[in-house]
Amino acid sequence: MVPAFFALDGRSLSAHAASLVAHALSSTGVPAVRIRLTHPGEPNPFADRRIDEVSPLVEIEVDKANASAAVDASLAEVLGSGRKAVLDLPIGSLRDEALRNRPDVCPIVPVGPSPLEAGTARM
C-alpha cells in the first residue's frame, strides 16, 4: 500500500506527513522514496534542503493533464526497485480518479490544528 498525502494547506502538512512516514518506513530496513508532484511555477520550499538521505525526495513537475501518468511511471520505477513509496500531492490531484482509485494507493488528507482545516477535511 502506498500512502498518498493530499495537501489542503498549500503543501506544508502533506510534505511533513510524507516525510515522517517515509522516514518511518525507511527505519524498517527497506528504503522509502518521497515522490512530490508539483505543477509548473509552484514554489518549492525543499529545493535547497534535504532532511537526510534515508528517504530521498523525488520531485516530478508536470501539468495537470499528465499528473496520473507521471505518478504511475514514478511508482513503477520506485516499487520495481524494491523500495517503498510515499506520495506528496497537491489537493487538485484528489480529483484525478485514475490516481485516487488505484488499488495500491491509500489517499490521506492530513489536517492541522485549526478548526478550518478540520472542517475542510470532513467535506
Protein backbone atom coordinates (compact mmCIF):
# COMPACT_ATOMS: atom_id res chain seq x y z
CA MET A 1 0.00 0.00 0.00
CA VAL A 2 1.30 3.43 -0.98
CA PRO A 3 0.23 6.28 1.30
CA ALA A 4 -0.73 9.36 -0.72
CA PHE A 5 -0.94 12.65 1.17
CA PHE A 6 -3.08 15.33 -0.47
CA ALA A 7 -2.43 18.94 0.60
CA LEU A 8 -5.19 21.23 1.83
CA ASP A 9 -2.96 23.96 3.18
CA GLY A 10 -0.59 24.91 0.40
CA ARG A 11 1.54 21.79 0.78
CA SER A 12 3.25 22.04 4.17
CA LEU A 13 1.11 19.50 6.05
CA SER A 14 1.31 16.89 3.31
CA ALA A 15 5.05 17.47 2.90
CA HIS A 16 5.69 16.97 6.60
CA ALA A 17 3.39 13.94 6.83
CA ALA A 18 5.00 12.33 3.77
CA SER A 19 8.48 12.99 5.19
CA LEU A 20 7.62 11.43 8.55
CA VAL A 21 6.02 8.35 7.02
CA ALA A 22 8.86 7.85 4.53
CA HIS A 23 11.40 8.08 7.33
CA ALA A 24 9.41 5.64 9.48
CA LEU A 25 9.14 3.17 6.58
CA SER A 26 12.86 3.51 5.89
CA SER A 27 13.60 2.62 9.51
CA THR A 28 12.23 -0.87 8.79
CA GLY A 29 15.28 -1.53 6.62
CA VAL A 30 13.66 -1.01 3.22
CA PRO A 31 14.36 2.45 1.79
CA ALA A 32 11.37 4.65 1.07
CA VAL A 33 11.20 7.39 -1.54
CA ARG A 34 9.06 10.51 -1.17
CA ILE A 35 7.52 11.37 -4.53
CA ARG A 36 6.38 15.01 -4.61
CA LEU A 37 4.23 16.09 -7.55
CA THR A 38 4.46 19.78 -8.38
CA HIS A 39 2.90 21.92 -11.07
CA PRO A 40 4.90 24.36 -13.22
CA GLY A 41 5.71 27.53 -11.31
CA GLU A 42 4.79 26.06 -7.93
CA PRO A 43 7.19 27.30 -5.25
CA ASN A 44 9.38 24.62 -3.74
CA PRO A 45 10.38 25.14 -0.10
CA PHE A 46 12.54 22.00 -0.25
CA ALA A 47 14.69 22.94 -3.24
CA ASP A 48 17.78 23.69 -1.20
CA ARG A 49 17.19 21.31 1.72
CA ARG A 50 17.45 17.63 2.37
CA ILE A 51 16.46 16.24 5.75
CA ASP A 52 18.53 13.12 5.25
CA GLU A 53 19.42 10.54 2.67
CA VAL A 54 17.42 7.78 4.38
CA SER A 55 14.27 8.72 2.47
CA PRO A 56 15.27 10.60 -0.68
CA LEU A 57 12.95 13.06 -2.35
CA VAL A 58 11.99 12.69 -6.00
CA GLU A 59 10.26 15.72 -7.49
CA ILE A 60 8.14 15.48 -10.60
CA GLU A 61 6.98 18.67 -12.29
CA VAL A 62 4.01 18.05 -14.57
CA ASP A 63 0.99 19.82 -15.93
CA LYS A 64 -2.37 18.72 -14.58
CA ALA A 65 -3.21 16.65 -17.65
CA ASN A 66 -0.18 14.37 -17.18
CA ALA A 67 -0.21 14.02 -13.38
CA SER A 68 -1.58 10.49 -13.20
CA ALA A 69 0.79 9.16 -15.86
CA ALA A 70 3.78 10.80 -14.16
CA VAL A 71 2.87 9.30 -10.79
CA ASP A 72 2.32 5.88 -12.39
CA ALA A 73 5.76 5.98 -14.01
CA SER A 74 7.49 7.07 -10.80
CA LEU A 75 5.69 4.46 -8.71
CA ALA A 76 6.60 1.73 -11.21
CA GLU A 77 10.28 2.72 -11.04
CA VAL A 78 10.41 3.02 -7.24
CA LEU A 79 8.35 -0.07 -6.41
CA GLY A 80 10.09 -2.08 -9.14
CA SER A 81 13.42 -1.42 -7.46
CA GLY A 82 12.21 -2.93 -4.19
CA ARG A 83 11.79 0.38 -2.39
CA LYS A 84 8.66 1.74 -0.76
CA ALA A 85 6.98 4.95 -1.91
CA VAL A 86 5.13 7.80 -0.23
CA LEU A 87 3.28 10.36 -2.34
CA ASP A 88 3.05 14.11 -1.60
CA LEU A 89 0.41 15.52 -3.91
CA PRO A 90 -1.42 18.82 -4.42
CA ILE A 91 -5.11 18.81 -3.47
CA GLY A 92 -6.12 19.06 -7.14
CA SER A 93 -4.78 15.54 -7.65
CA LEU A 94 -7.57 14.23 -5.43
CA ARG A 95 -9.94 14.87 -8.36
CA ASP A 96 -7.90 12.52 -10.55
CA GLU A 97 -9.96 9.31 -10.48
CA ALA A 98 -7.24 7.18 -12.05
CA LEU A 99 -4.84 8.17 -9.28
CA ARG A 100 -7.34 8.16 -6.44
CA ASN A 101 -8.77 4.76 -7.35
CA ARG A 102 -5.51 2.86 -7.81
CA PRO A 103 -5.81 -0.31 -5.71
CA ASP A 104 -2.34 0.20 -4.21
CA VAL A 105 -2.79 3.87 -3.22
CA CYS A 106 -4.34 4.97 0.07
CA PRO A 107 -5.50 8.62 -0.14
CA ILE A 108 -4.90 10.60 3.07
CA VAL A 109 -5.77 14.26 3.73
CA PRO A 110 -3.69 15.46 6.70
CA VAL A 111 -5.14 18.31 8.74
CA GLY A 112 -3.53 20.81 11.06
CA PRO A 113 -4.72 22.13 14.35
CA SER A 114 -7.13 24.78 13.08
CA PRO A 115 -10.92 24.25 13.00
CA LEU A 116 -10.96 25.48 9.38
CA GLU A 117 -8.63 22.68 8.25
CA ALA A 118 -10.53 20.05 10.24
CA GLY A 119 -13.85 21.26 8.78
CA THR A 120 -12.47 21.27 5.24
CA ALA A 121 -11.20 17.71 5.63
CA ARG A 122 -14.68 16.50 6.64
CA MET A 123 -16.28 17.85 3.44
